[in-house]
Amino acid sequence: MIDIFRPELDLVAFTSYPATVFNSPAAIPKDYYEHIYDHIKHSDPVVFMEIGWPTTGKGNEASQSEFIRQLPSLMANVKPQVLAWSLLHDVQGSPLGTDLSATGLLGNSGQAKGGLGAFKELKNK
């Protein structure tokens, strides 16, 4: 399906919310994101326009932090040009649904979650 956009294709963008599939970040296979190459060329520029892990429902603050800390190893062989976290703030009363609404690095009142610290640690990796 992606090939119908060639040669005009500039990049391939993905969204990823692995908590919908895995109960914990530890359950995510190390090559999970490499499987995108089953569908695209290794030369295609890759972007993750949304990626996140919730802190309610299927997740919590500890699992969100763990997922963020795993991102460098999970993305090591993909090397996306952009990896954008889904939300800075949680969204209260949102039509997005509970899990997606709670992927923010800050709660809806502005308090920092553990994931914010984990995200800041990435700048050194």
PDB file of N, CA and C in Angstrom:
ATOM      1  N   MET A   1       0.819  -1.192   0.000  1.00  0.00           N
ATOM      2  CA  MET A   1       0.000   0.000   0.000  1.00  0.00           C
ATOM      3  C   MET A   1       0.869   1.265   0.000  1.00  0.00           C
ATOM      4  N   ILE A   2       1.946   1.237   0.743  1.00  0.00           N
ATOM      5  CA  ILE A   2       2.823   2.410   0.825  1.00  0.00           C
ATOM      6  C   ILE A   2       3.429   2.715  -0.537  1.00  0.00           C
ATOM      7  N   ASP A   3       3.718   1.691  -1.296  1.00  0.00           N
ATOM      8  CA  ASP A   3       4.375   1.885  -2.589  1.00  0.00           C
ATOM      9  C   ASP A   3       3.537   2.675  -3.589  1.00  0.00           C
ATOM     10  N   ILE A   4       2.226   2.759  -3.403  1.00  0.00           N
ATOM     11  CA  ILE A   4       1.418   3.537  -4.347  1.00  0.00           C
ATOM     12  C   ILE A   4       1.749   5.025  -4.275  1.00  0.00           C
ATOM     13  N   PHE A   5       2.418   5.457  -3.213  1.00  0.00           N
ATOM     14  CA  PHE A   5       2.794   6.862  -3.066  1.00  0.00           C
ATOM     15  C   PHE A   5       4.177   7.170  -3.643  1.00  0.00           C
ATOM     16  N   ARG A   6       4.871   6.147  -4.093  1.00  0.00           N
ATOM     17  CA  ARG A   6       6.198   6.375  -4.670  1.00  0.00           C
ATOM     18  C   ARG A   6       6.047   6.853  -6.101  1.00  0.00           C
ATOM     19  N   PRO A   7       6.865   7.714  -6.606  1.00  0.00           N
ATOM     20  CA  PRO A   7       8.106   8.241  -6.050  1.00  0.00           C
ATOM     21  C   PRO A   7       7.911   9.527  -5.235  1.00  0.00           C
ATOM     22  N   GLU A   8       6.682   9.959  -5.027  1.00  0.00           N
ATOM     23  CA  GLU A   8       6.430  11.200  -4.300  1.00  0.00           C
ATOM     24  C   GLU A   8       6.597  11.078  -2.791  1.00  0.00           C
ATOM     25  N   LEU A   9       6.811   9.884  -2.311  1.00  0.00           N
ATOM     26  CA  LEU A   9       6.931   9.619  -0.885  1.00  0.00           C
ATOM     27  C   LEU A   9       8.181  10.284  -0.311  1.00  0.00           C
ATOM     28  N   ASP A  10       7.984  11.192   0.643  1.00  0.00           N
ATOM     29  CA  ASP A  10       9.115  11.872   1.282  1.00  0.00           C
ATOM     30  C   ASP A  10       9.599  11.133   2.520  1.00  0.00           C
ATOM     31  N   LEU A  11       8.667  10.529   3.244  1.00  0.00           N
ATOM     32  CA  LEU A  11       8.987   9.807   4.467  1.00  0.00           C
ATOM     33  C   LEU A  11       7.819   8.902   4.810  1.00  0.00           C
ATOM     34  N   VAL A  12       8.029   8.046   5.789  1.00  0.00           N
ATOM     35  CA  VAL A  12       6.965   7.175   6.266  1.00  0.00           C
ATOM     36  C   VAL A  12       6.781   7.483   7.751  1.00  0.00           C
ATOM     37  N   ALA A  13       5.547   7.857   8.112  1.00  0.00           N
ATOM     38  CA  ALA A  13       5.259   8.237   9.493  1.00  0.00           C
ATOM     39  C   ALA A  13       4.359   7.202  10.159  1.00  0.00           C
ATOM     40  N   PHE A  14       4.630   6.959  11.425  1.00  0.00           N
ATOM     41  CA  PHE A  14       3.882   5.979  12.204  1.00  0.00           C
ATOM     42  C   PHE A  14       3.386   6.604  13.501  1.00  0.00           C
ATOM     43  N   THR A  15       2.369   5.980  14.067  1.00  0.00           N
ATOM     44  CA  THR A  15       1.983   6.229  15.452  1.00  0.00           C
ATOM     45  C   THR A  15       2.149   4.902  16.174  1.00  0.00           C
ATOM     46  N   SER A  16       2.401   4.965  17.478  1.00  0.00           N
ATOM     47  CA  SER A  16       2.608   3.730  18.223  1.00  0.00           C
ATOM     48  C   SER A  16       2.181   3.897  19.671  1.00  0.00           C
ATOM     49  N   TYR A  17       1.280   3.032  20.072  1.00  0.00           N
ATOM     50  CA  TYR A  17       0.822   2.949  21.456  1.00  0.00           C
ATOM     51  C   TYR A  17       0.886   1.476  21.854  1.00  0.00           C
ATOM     52  N   PRO A  18       2.073   0.980  22.166  1.00  0.00           N
ATOM     53  CA  PRO A  18       2.231  -0.458  22.379  1.00  0.00           C
ATOM     54  C   PRO A  18       1.512  -1.013  23.608  1.00  0.00           C
ATOM     55  N   ALA A  19       1.019  -0.163  24.499  1.00  0.00           N
ATOM     56  CA  ALA A  19       0.259  -0.662  25.654  1.00  0.00           C
ATOM     57  C   ALA A  19      -1.038  -1.317  25.211  1.00  0.00           C
ATOM     58  N   THR A  20      -1.465  -1.047  23.993  1.00  0.00           N
ATOM     59  CA  THR A  20      -2.668  -1.718  23.487  1.00  0.00           C
ATOM     60  C   THR A  20      -2.396  -3.182  23.177  1.00  0.00           C
ATOM     61  N   VAL A  21      -1.112  -3.543  23.040  1.00  0.00           N
ATOM     62  CA  VAL A  21      -0.731  -4.905  22.679  1.00  0.00           C
ATOM     63  C   VAL A  21       0.027  -5.613  23.809  1.00  0.00           C
ATOM     64  N   PHE A  22       0.827  -4.850  24.546  1.00  0.00           N
ATOM     65  CA  PHE A  22       1.690  -5.432  25.574  1.00  0.00           C
ATOM     66  C   PHE A  22       1.275  -4.956  26.965  1.00  0.00           C
ATOM     67  N   ASN A  23       1.328  -5.864  27.936  1.00  0.00           N
ATOM     68  CA  ASN A  23       0.947  -5.523  29.305  1.00  0.00           C
ATOM     69  C   ASN A  23       1.977  -4.679  30.029  1.00  0.00           C
ATOM     70  N   SER A  24       3.219  -4.734  29.566  1.00  0.00           N
ATOM     71  CA  SER A  24       4.288  -3.951  30.190  1.00  0.00           C
ATOM     72  C   SER A  24       5.351  -3.660  29.137  1.00  0.00           C
ATOM     73  N   PRO A  25       6.141  -2.623  29.351  1.00  0.00           N
ATOM     74  CA  PRO A  25       7.239  -2.355  28.410  1.00  0.00           C
ATOM     75  C   PRO A  25       8.233  -3.510  28.318  1.00  0.00           C
ATOM     76  N   ALA A  26       8.411  -4.244  29.415  1.00  0.00           N
ATOM     77  CA  ALA A  26       9.337  -5.382  29.397  1.00  0.00           C
ATOM     78  C   ALA A  26       8.886  -6.473  28.426  1.00  0.00           C
ATOM     79  N   ALA A  27       7.606  -6.517  28.123  1.00  0.00           N
ATOM     80  CA  ALA A  27       7.070  -7.536  27.211  1.00  0.00           C
ATOM     81  C   ALA A  27       7.271  -7.179  25.735  1.00  0.00           C
ATOM     82  N   ILE A  28       7.694  -5.961  25.443  1.00  0.00           N
ATOM     83  CA  ILE A  28       7.901  -5.538  24.055  1.00  0.00           C
ATOM     84  C   ILE A  28       9.175  -6.193  23.522  1.00  0.00           C
ATOM     85  N   PRO A  29       9.079  -6.960  22.451  1.00  0.00           N
ATOM     86  CA  PRO A  29      10.294  -7.565  21.887  1.00  0.00           C
ATOM     87  C   PRO A  29      11.279  -6.483  21.447  1.00  0.00           C
ATOM     88  N   LYS A  30      12.542  -6.751  21.613  1.00  0.00           N
ATOM     89  CA  LYS A  30      13.587  -5.765  21.271  1.00  0.00           C
ATOM     90  C   LYS A  30      13.544  -5.370  19.793  1.00  0.00           C
ATOM     91  N   ASP A  31      13.040  -6.267  18.935  1.00  0.00           N
ATOM     92  CA  ASP A  31      12.981  -5.965  17.500  1.00  0.00           C
ATOM     93  C   ASP A  31      11.579  -5.519  17.054  1.00  0.00           C
ATOM     94  N   TYR A  32      10.737  -5.174  17.992  1.00  0.00           N
ATOM     95  CA  TYR A  32       9.344  -4.824  17.690  1.00  0.00           C
ATOM     96  C   TYR A  32       9.235  -3.764  16.593  1.00  0.00           C
ATOM     97  N   TYR A  33       9.953  -2.675  16.711  1.00  0.00           N
ATOM     98  CA  TYR A  33       9.841  -1.598  15.728  1.00  0.00           C
ATOM     99  C   TYR A  33      10.576  -1.901  14.427  1.00  0.00           C
ATOM    100  N   GLU A  34      11.507  -2.805  14.452  1.00  0.00           N
ATOM    101  CA  GLU A  34      12.218  -3.185  13.224  1.00  0.00           C
ATOM    102  C   GLU A  34      11.291  -3.847  12.213  1.00  0.00           C
ATOM    103  N   HIS A  35      10.159  -4.359  12.674  1.00  0.00           N
ATOM    104  CA  HIS A  35       9.223  -5.015  11.755  1.00  0.00           C
ATOM    105  C   HIS A  35       8.565  -4.038  10.781  1.00  0.00           C
ATOM    106  N   ILE A  36       8.758  -2.742  10.976  1.00  0.00           N
ATOM    107  CA  ILE A  36       8.249  -1.800   9.974  1.00  0.00           C
ATOM    108  C   ILE A  36       8.927  -2.048   8.633  1.00  0.00           C
ATOM    109  N   TYR A  37      10.153  -2.603   8.677  1.00  0.00           N
ATOM    110  CA  TYR A  37      10.880  -2.861   7.439  1.00  0.00           C
ATOM    111  C   TYR A  37      10.327  -4.058   6.673  1.00  0.00           C
ATOM    112  N   ASP A  38       9.346  -4.721   7.241  1.00  0.00           N
ATOM    113  CA  ASP A  38       8.616  -5.732   6.477  1.00  0.00           C
ATOM    114  C   ASP A  38       7.689  -5.060   5.463  1.00  0.00           C
ATOM    115  N   HIS A  39       7.474  -3.747   5.646  1.00  0.00           N
ATOM    116  CA  HIS A  39       6.506  -3.009   4.834  1.00  0.00           C
ATOM    117  C   HIS A  39       7.089  -1.802   4.109  1.00  0.00           C
ATOM    118  N   ILE A  40       8.278  -1.379   4.509  1.00  0.00           N
ATOM    119  CA  ILE A  40       8.919  -0.231   3.864  1.00  0.00           C
ATOM    120  C   ILE A  40      10.362  -0.585   3.527  1.00  0.00           C
ATOM    121  N   LYS A  41      10.997   0.299   2.773  1.00  0.00           N
ATOM    122  CA  LYS A  41      12.400   0.097   2.421  1.00  0.00           C
ATOM    123  C   LYS A  41      13.289   0.604   3.550  1.00  0.00           C
ATOM    124  N   HIS A  42      14.443  -0.016   3.702  1.00  0.00           N
ATOM    125  CA  HIS A  42      15.392   0.438   4.730  1.00  0.00           C
ATOM    126  C   HIS A  42      15.883   1.853   4.451  1.00  0.00           C
ATOM    127  N   SER A  43      15.783   2.291   3.218  1.00  0.00           N
ATOM    128  CA  SER A  43      16.232   3.632   2.854  1.00  0.00           C
ATOM    129  C   SER A  43      15.157   4.705   3.098  1.00  0.00           C
ATOM    130  N   ASP A  44      13.933   4.296   3.405  1.00  0.00           N
ATOM    131  CA  ASP A  44      12.865   5.272   3.658  1.00  0.00           C
ATOM    132  C   ASP A  44      13.115   6.024   4.955  1.00  0.00           C
ATOM    133  N   PRO A  45      13.034   7.344   4.918  1.00  0.00           N
ATOM    134  CA  PRO A  45      13.114   8.101   6.168  1.00  0.00           C
ATOM    135  C   PRO A  45      11.894   7.759   7.039  1.00  0.00           C
ATOM    136  N   VAL A  46      12.145   7.493   8.318  1.00  0.00           N
ATOM    137  CA  VAL A  46      11.097   7.072   9.246  1.00  0.00           C
ATOM    138  C   VAL A  46      10.867   8.153  10.293  1.00  0.00           C
ATOM    139  N   VAL A  47       9.589   8.388  10.591  1.00  0.00           N
ATOM    140  CA  VAL A  47       9.173   9.361  11.590  1.00  0.00           C
ATOM    141  C   VAL A  47       8.108   8.710  12.466  1.00  0.00           C
ATOM    142  N   PHE A  48       8.193   8.926  13.753  1.00  0.00           N
ATOM    143  CA  PHE A  48       7.116   8.543  14.664  1.00  0.00           C
ATOM    144  C   PHE A  48       6.460   9.832  15.123  1.00  0.00           C
ATOM    145  N   MET A  49       5.312  10.131  14.519  1.00  0.00           N
ATOM    146  CA  MET A  49       4.624  11.391  14.807  1.00  0.00           C
ATOM    147  C   MET A  49       3.858  11.340  16.122  1.00  0.00           C
ATOM    148  N   GLU A  50       3.571  10.156  16.596  1.00  0.00           N
ATOM    149  CA  GLU A  50       2.935   9.976  17.903  1.00  0.00           C
ATOM    150  C   GLU A  50       3.414   8.668  18.471  1.00  0.00           C
ATOM    151  N   ILE A  51       3.891   8.739  19.686  1.00  0.00           N
ATOM    152  CA  ILE A  51       4.235   7.530  20.411  1.00  0.00           C
ATOM    153  C   ILE A  51       3.910   7.806  21.871  1.00  0.00           C
ATOM    154  N   GLY A  52       3.400   6.823  22.567  1.00  0.00           N
ATOM    155  CA  GLY A  52       3.051   7.081  23.955  1.00  0.00           C
ATOM    156  C   GLY A  52       2.734   5.827  24.737  1.00  0.00           C
ATOM    157  N   TRP A  53       2.684   6.008  26.047  1.00  0.00           N
ATOM    158  CA  TRP A  53       2.304   4.950  26.977  1.00  0.00           C
ATOM    159  C   TRP A  53       1.450   5.606  28.050  1.00  0.00           C
ATOM    160  N   PRO A  54       0.281   5.059  28.345  1.00  0.00           N
ATOM    161  CA  PRO A  54      -0.632   5.703  29.294  1.00  0.00           C
ATOM    162  C   PRO A  54      -0.223   5.501  30.759  1.00  0.00           C
ATOM    163  N   THR A  55      -0.725   6.377  31.608  1.00  0.00           N
ATOM    164  CA  THR A  55      -0.490   6.248  33.050  1.00  0.00           C
ATOM    165  C   THR A  55      -1.764   5.856  33.784  1.00  0.00           C
ATOM    166  N   THR A  56      -2.821   5.561  33.048  1.00  0.00           N
ATOM    167  CA  THR A  56      -4.052   5.020  33.628  1.00  0.00           C
ATOM    168  C   THR A  56      -4.492   3.861  32.754  1.00  0.00           C
ATOM    169  N   GLY A  57      -5.492   3.142  33.191  1.00  0.00           N
ATOM    170  CA  GLY A  57      -5.994   2.024  32.396  1.00  0.00           C
ATOM    171  C   GLY A  57      -4.962   0.933  32.248  1.00  0.00           C
ATOM    172  N   LYS A  58      -4.391   0.788  31.065  1.00  0.00           N
ATOM    173  CA  LYS A  58      -3.428  -0.277  30.789  1.00  0.00           C
ATOM    174  C   LYS A  58      -2.015   0.057  31.262  1.00  0.00           C
ATOM    175  N   GLY A  59      -1.826   1.244  31.811  1.00  0.00           N
ATOM    176  CA  GLY A  59      -0.492   1.631  32.254  1.00  0.00           C
ATOM    177  C   GLY A  59      -0.524   2.368  33.569  1.00  0.00           C
ATOM    178  N   ASN A  60       0.645   2.812  33.995  1.00  0.00           N
ATOM    179  CA  ASN A  60       0.792   3.638  35.187  1.00  0.00           C
ATOM    180  C   ASN A  60       2.062   4.456  35.016  1.00  0.00           C
ATOM    181  N   GLU A  61       2.367   5.297  35.985  1.00  0.00           N
ATOM    182  CA  GLU A  61       3.541   6.162  35.833  1.00  0.00           C
ATOM    183  C   GLU A  61       4.835   5.364  35.723  1.00  0.00           C
ATOM    184  N   ALA A  62       4.939   4.285  36.477  1.00  0.00           N
ATOM    185  CA  ALA A  62       6.157   3.473  36.423  1.00  0.00           C
ATOM    186  C   ALA A  62       6.339   2.829  35.047  1.00  0.00           C
ATOM    187  N   SER A  63       5.265   2.307  34.476  1.00  0.00           N
ATOM    188  CA  SER A  63       5.391   1.664  33.161  1.00  0.00           C
ATOM    189  C   SER A  63       5.640   2.700  32.064  1.00  0.00           C
ATOM    190  N   GLN A  64       5.069   3.900  32.204  1.00  0.00           N
ATOM    191  CA  GLN A  64       5.352   4.953  31.230  1.00  0.00           C
ATOM    192  C   GLN A  64       6.840   5.308  31.269  1.00  0.00           C
ATOM    193  N   SER A  65       7.379   5.484  32.458  1.00  0.00           N
ATOM    194  CA  SER A  65       8.806   5.807  32.600  1.00  0.00           C
ATOM    195  C   SER A  65       9.672   4.692  32.027  1.00  0.00           C
ATOM    196  N   GLU A  66       9.297   3.448  32.319  1.00  0.00           N
ATOM    197  CA  GLU A  66      10.046   2.305  31.811  1.00  0.00           C
ATOM    198  C   GLU A  66      10.036   2.287  30.282  1.00  0.00           C
ATOM    199  N   PHE A  67       8.880   2.537  29.676  1.00  0.00           N
ATOM    200  CA  PHE A  67       8.790   2.555  28.221  1.00  0.00           C
ATOM    201  C   PHE A  67       9.686   3.642  27.633  1.00  0.00           C
ATOM    202  N   ILE A  68       9.649   4.819  28.220  1.00  0.00           N
ATOM    203  CA  ILE A  68      10.477   5.928  27.728  1.00  0.00           C
ATOM    204  C   ILE A  68      11.954   5.564  27.817  1.00  0.00           C
ATOM    205  N   ARG A  69      12.358   4.960  28.917  1.00  0.00           N
ATOM    206  CA  ARG A  69      13.766   4.579  29.075  1.00  0.00           C
ATOM    207  C   ARG A  69      14.177   3.500  28.074  1.00  0.00           C
ATOM    208  N   GLN A  70      13.244   2.690  27.619  1.00  0.00           N
ATOM    209  CA  GLN A  70      13.538   1.643  26.636  1.00  0.00           C
ATOM    210  C   GLN A  70      13.593   2.169  25.208  1.00  0.00           C
ATOM    211  N   LEU A  71      13.078   3.361  24.962  1.00  0.00           N
ATOM    212  CA  LEU A  71      12.999   3.859  23.580  1.00  0.00           C
ATOM    213  C   LEU A  71      14.337   3.829  22.838  1.00  0.00           C
ATOM    214  N   PRO A  72      15.448   4.258  23.440  1.00  0.00           N
ATOM    215  CA  PRO A  72      16.700   4.199  22.664  1.00  0.00           C
ATOM    216  C   PRO A  72      17.043   2.800  22.180  1.00  0.00           C
ATOM    217  N   SER A  73      16.847   1.790  23.006  1.00  0.00           N
ATOM    218  CA  SER A  73      17.168   0.436  22.543  1.00  0.00           C
ATOM    219  C   SER A  73      16.112  -0.087  21.571  1.00  0.00           C
ATOM    220  N   LEU A  74      14.840   0.247  21.798  1.00  0.00           N
ATOM    221  CA  LEU A  74      13.785  -0.197  20.877  1.00  0.00           C
ATOM    222  C   LEU A  74      13.927   0.435  19.495  1.00  0.00           C
ATOM    223  N   MET A  75      14.467   1.636  19.441  1.00  0.00           N
ATOM    224  CA  MET A  75      14.604   2.362  18.173  1.00  0.00           C
ATOM    225  C   MET A  75      16.018   2.301  17.593  1.00  0.00           C
ATOM    226  N   ALA A  76      16.910   1.580  18.235  1.00  0.00           N
ATOM    227  CA  ALA A  76      18.323   1.578  17.829  1.00  0.00           C
ATOM    228  C   ALA A  76      18.537   1.227  16.369  1.00  0.00           C
ATOM    229  N   ASN A  77      17.801   0.269  15.851  1.00  0.00           N
ATOM    230  CA  ASN A  77      17.989  -0.138  14.459  1.00  0.00           C
ATOM    231  C   ASN A  77      17.019   0.525  13.498  1.00  0.00           C
ATOM    232  N   VAL A  78      16.131   1.337  14.021  1.00  0.00           N
ATOM    233  CA  VAL A  78      15.184   2.067  13.181  1.00  0.00           C
ATOM    234  C   VAL A  78      15.689   3.488  12.929  1.00  0.00           C
ATOM    235  N   LYS A  79      16.230   4.102  13.960  1.00  0.00           N
ATOM    236  CA  LYS A  79      16.797   5.456  13.888  1.00  0.00           C
ATOM    237  C   LYS A  79      15.838   6.471  13.244  1.00  0.00           C
ATOM    238  N   PRO A  80      14.668   6.666  13.868  1.00  0.00           N
ATOM    239  CA  PRO A  80      13.728   7.622  13.277  1.00  0.00           C
ATOM    240  C   PRO A  80      14.300   9.039  13.257  1.00  0.00           C
ATOM    241  N   GLN A  81      13.950   9.779  12.210  1.00  0.00           N
ATOM    242  CA  GLN A  81      14.395  11.168  12.112  1.00  0.00           C
ATOM    243  C   GLN A  81      13.679  12.049  13.125  1.00  0.00           C
ATOM    244  N   VAL A  82      12.446  11.687  13.451  1.00  0.00           N
ATOM    245  CA  VAL A  82      11.651  12.401  14.444  1.00  0.00           C
ATOM    246  C   VAL A  82      10.924  11.355  15.273  1.00  0.00           C
ATOM    247  N   LEU A  83      10.883  11.585  16.570  1.00  0.00           N
ATOM    248  CA  LEU A  83      10.086  10.760  17.466  1.00  0.00           C
ATOM    249  C   LEU A  83       9.369  11.746  18.395  1.00  0.00           C
ATOM    250  N   ALA A  84       8.081  11.928  18.171  1.00  0.00           N
ATOM    251  CA  ALA A  84       7.308  12.923  18.919  1.00  0.00           C
ATOM    252  C   ALA A  84       6.405  12.226  19.932  1.00  0.00           C
ATOM    253  N   TRP A  85       6.542  12.602  21.193  1.00  0.00           N
ATOM    254  CA  TRP A  85       5.687  12.054  22.240  1.00  0.00           C
ATOM    255  C   TRP A  85       4.275  12.558  22.021  1.00  0.00           C
ATOM    256  N   SER A  86       3.295  11.739  22.328  1.00  0.00           N
ATOM    257  CA  SER A  86       1.895  12.025  21.991  1.00  0.00           C
ATOM    258  C   SER A  86       1.351  13.294  22.634  1.00  0.00           C
ATOM    259  N   LEU A  87       1.519  13.447  23.936  1.00  0.00           N
ATOM    260  CA  LEU A  87       0.952  14.610  24.628  1.00  0.00           C
ATOM    261  C   LEU A  87       1.919  15.144  25.670  1.00  0.00           C
ATOM    262  N   LEU A  88       1.983  16.462  25.802  1.00  0.00           N
ATOM    263  CA  LEU A  88       2.735  17.043  26.903  1.00  0.00           C
ATOM    264  C   LEU A  88       1.898  16.938  28.186  1.00  0.00           C
ATOM    265  N   HIS A  89       0.626  17.310  28.089  1.00  0.00           N
ATOM    266  CA  HIS A  89      -0.302  17.274  29.228  1.00  0.00           C
ATOM    267  C   HIS A  89      -1.379  16.227  28.988  1.00  0.00           C
ATOM    268  N   ASP A  90      -1.812  15.583  30.062  1.00  0.00           N
ATOM    269  CA  ASP A  90      -3.003  14.748  29.969  1.00  0.00           C
ATOM    270  C   ASP A  90      -4.177  15.627  29.568  1.00  0.00           C
ATOM    271  N   VAL A  91      -5.176  15.033  28.976  1.00  0.00           N
ATOM    272  CA  VAL A  91      -6.358  15.759  28.528  1.00  0.00           C
ATOM    273  C   VAL A  91      -7.553  15.246  29.323  1.00  0.00           C
ATOM    274  N   GLN A  92      -8.142  16.112  30.116  1.00  0.00           N
ATOM    275  CA  GLN A  92      -9.279  15.717  30.940  1.00  0.00           C
ATOM    276  C   GLN A  92     -10.576  15.842  30.142  1.00  0.00           C
ATOM    277  N   GLY A  93     -11.450  14.858  30.316  1.00  0.00           N
ATOM    278  CA  GLY A  93     -12.741  14.901  29.636  1.00  0.00           C
ATOM    279  C   GLY A  93     -12.619  14.877  28.129  1.00  0.00           C
ATOM    280  N   SER A  94     -11.625  14.204  27.640  1.00  0.00           N
ATOM    281  CA  SER A  94     -11.344  14.202  26.209  1.00  0.00           C
ATOM    282  C   SER A  94     -12.068  13.073  25.496  1.00  0.00           C
ATOM    283  N   PRO A  95     -12.449  13.305  24.265  1.00  0.00           N
ATOM    284  CA  PRO A  95     -13.018  12.223  23.459  1.00  0.00           C
ATOM    285  C   PRO A  95     -11.950  11.238  22.984  1.00  0.00           C
ATOM    286  N   LEU A  96     -10.704  11.449  23.388  1.00  0.00           N
ATOM    287  CA  LEU A  96      -9.616  10.583  22.955  1.00  0.00           C
ATOM    288  C   LEU A  96      -9.682   9.195  23.575  1.00  0.00           C
ATOM    289  N   GLY A  97     -10.385   9.060  24.683  1.00  0.00           N
ATOM    290  CA  GLY A  97     -10.404   7.795  25.415  1.00  0.00           C
ATOM    291  C   GLY A  97      -9.437   7.852  26.574  1.00  0.00           C
ATOM    292  N   THR A  98      -9.686   7.042  27.572  1.00  0.00           N
ATOM    293  CA  THR A  98      -8.923   7.099  28.818  1.00  0.00           C
ATOM    294  C   THR A  98      -7.430   6.904  28.616  1.00  0.00           C
ATOM    295  N   ASP A  99      -7.033   5.832  27.929  1.00  0.00           N
ATOM    296  CA  ASP A  99      -5.608   5.560  27.787  1.00  0.00           C
ATOM    297  C   ASP A  99      -4.881   6.655  27.020  1.00  0.00           C
ATOM    298  N   LEU A 100      -5.370   7.035  25.861  1.00  0.00           N
ATOM    299  CA  LEU A 100      -4.701   8.072  25.081  1.00  0.00           C
ATOM    300  C   LEU A 100      -4.683   9.397  25.830  1.00  0.00           C
ATOM    301  N   SER A 101      -5.754   9.726  26.527  1.00  0.00           N
ATOM    302  CA  SER A 101      -5.830  10.988  27.269  1.00  0.00           C
ATOM    303  C   SER A 101      -4.820  11.062  28.396  1.00  0.00           C
ATOM    304  N   ALA A 102      -4.300   9.911  28.816  1.00  0.00           N
ATOM    305  CA  ALA A 102      -3.380   9.861  29.949  1.00  0.00           C
ATOM    306  C   ALA A 102      -1.944   9.536  29.534  1.00  0.00           C
ATOM    307  N   THR A 103      -1.565   9.886  28.308  1.00  0.00           N
ATOM    308  CA  THR A 103      -0.195   9.652  27.862  1.00  0.00           C
ATOM    309  C   THR A 103       0.699  10.867  28.073  1.00  0.00           C
ATOM    310  N   GLY A 104       0.156  11.925  28.647  1.00  0.00           N
ATOM    311  CA  GLY A 104       0.947  13.137  28.868  1.00  0.00           C
ATOM    312  C   GLY A 104       2.099  12.908  29.826  1.00  0.00           C
ATOM    313  N   LEU A 105       3.111  13.757  29.695  1.00  0.00           N
ATOM    314  CA  LEU A 105       4.243  13.743  30.616  1.00  0.00           C
ATOM    315  C   LEU A 105       3.945  14.583  31.848  1.00  0.00           C
ATOM    316  N   LEU A 106       2.872  15.355  31.751  1.00  0.00           N
ATOM    317  CA  LEU A 106       2.367  16.154  32.870  1.00  0.00           C
ATOM    318  C   LEU A 106       0.902  15.784  33.050  1.00  0.00           C
ATOM    319  N   GLY A 107       0.448  15.782  34.295  1.00  0.00           N
ATOM    320  CA  GLY A 107      -0.967  15.553  34.540  1.00  0.00           C
ATOM    321  C   GLY A 107      -1.782  16.736  34.046  1.00  0.00           C
ATOM    322  N   ASN A 108      -3.105  16.601  34.034  1.00  0.00           N
ATOM    323  CA  ASN A 108      -3.933  17.688  33.500  1.00  0.00           C
ATOM    324  C   ASN A 108      -3.907  18.938  34.376  1.00  0.00           C
ATOM    325  N   SER A 109      -3.393  18.851  35.597  1.00  0.00           N
ATOM    326  CA  SER A 109      -3.242  20.056  36.420  1.00  0.00           C
ATOM    327  C   SER A 109      -1.816  20.602  36.363  1.00  0.00           C
ATOM    328  N   GLY A 110      -0.974  19.985  35.540  1.00  0.00           N
ATOM    329  CA  GLY A 110       0.372  20.492  35.332  1.00  0.00           C
ATOM    330  C   GLY A 110       1.447  19.812  36.160  1.00  0.00           C
ATOM    331  N   GLN A 111       1.078  18.883  37.043  1.00  0.00           N
ATOM    332  CA  GLN A 111       2.091  18.207  37.857  1.00  0.00           C
ATOM    333  C   GLN A 111       2.908  17.252  36.986  1.00  0.00           C
ATOM    334  N   ALA A 112       4.211  17.239  37.223  1.00  0.00           N
ATOM    335  CA  ALA A 112       5.106  16.369  36.458  1.00  0.00           C
ATOM    336  C   ALA A 112       4.873  14.919  36.842  1.00  0.00           C
ATOM    337  N   LYS A 113       4.863  14.066  35.849  1.00  0.00           N
ATOM    338  CA  LYS A 113       4.808  12.627  36.074  1.00  0.00           C
ATOM    339  C   LYS A 113       6.231  12.087  35.983  1.00  0.00           C
ATOM    340  N   GLY A 114       6.411  10.850  36.418  1.00  0.00           N
ATOM    341  CA  GLY A 114       7.726  10.222  36.338  1.00  0.00           C
ATOM    342  C   GLY A 114       8.256  10.159  34.917  1.00  0.00           C
ATOM    343  N   GLY A 115       7.350  10.053  33.960  1.00  0.00           N
ATOM    344  CA  GLY A 115       7.763   9.994  32.563  1.00  0.00           C
ATOM    345  C   GLY A 115       8.491  11.240  32.088  1.00  0.00           C
ATOM    346  N   LEU A 116       8.188  12.384  32.683  1.00  0.00           N
ATOM    347  CA  LEU A 116       8.875  13.616  32.281  1.00  0.00           C
ATOM    348  C   LEU A 116      10.356  13.513  32.619  1.00  0.00           C
ATOM    349  N   GLY A 117      10.659  13.025  33.812  1.00  0.00           N
ATOM    350  CA  GLY A 117      12.060  12.842  34.188  1.00  0.00           C
ATOM    351  C   GLY A 117      12.754  11.846  33.287  1.00  0.00           C
ATOM    352  N   ALA A 118      12.082  10.755  32.978  1.00  0.00           N
ATOM    353  CA  ALA A 118      12.658   9.744  32.086  1.00  0.00           C
ATOM    354  C   ALA A 118      12.906  10.337  30.700  1.00  0.00           C
ATOM    355  N   PHE A 119      11.963  11.154  30.238  1.00  0.00           N
ATOM    356  CA  PHE A 119      12.104  11.792  28.926  1.00  0.00           C
ATOM    357  C   PHE A 119      13.302  12.738  28.912  1.00  0.00           C
ATOM    358  N   LYS A 120      13.479  13.493  29.985  1.00  0.00           N
ATOM    359  CA  LYS A 120      14.621  14.426  30.074  1.00  0.00           C
ATOM    360  C   LYS A 120      15.946  13.671  30.074  1.00  0.00           C
ATOM    361  N   GLU A 121      15.955  12.465  30.649  1.00  0.00           N
ATOM    362  CA  GLU A 121      17.166  11.658  30.664  1.00  0.00           C
ATOM    363  C   GLU A 121      17.604  11.254  29.252  1.00  0.00           C
ATOM    364  N   LEU A 122      16.672  11.218  28.303  1.00  0.00           N
ATOM    365  CA  LEU A 122      16.993  10.789  26.941  1.00  0.00           C
ATOM    366  C   LEU A 122      17.958  11.725  26.235  1.00  0.00           C
ATOM    367  N   LYS A 123      18.010  12.971  26.661  1.00  0.00           N
ATOM    368  CA  LYS A 123      18.887  13.922  25.973  1.00  0.00           C
ATOM    369  C   LYS A 123      20.348  13.505  26.053  1.00  0.00           C
ATOM    370  N   ASN A 124      20.683  12.666  27.004  1.00  0.00           N
ATOM    371  CA  ASN A 124      22.057  12.196  27.143  1.00  0.00           C
ATOM    372  C   ASN A 124      22.330  10.910  26.390  1.00  0.00           C
ATOM    373  N   LYS A 125      21.328  10.413  25.660  1.00  0.00           N
ATOM    374  CA  LYS A 125      21.499   9.122  24.968  1.00  0.00           C
ATOM    375  C   LYS A 125      21.545   9.300  23.476  1.00  0.00           C
TER     376      LYS A 125
END
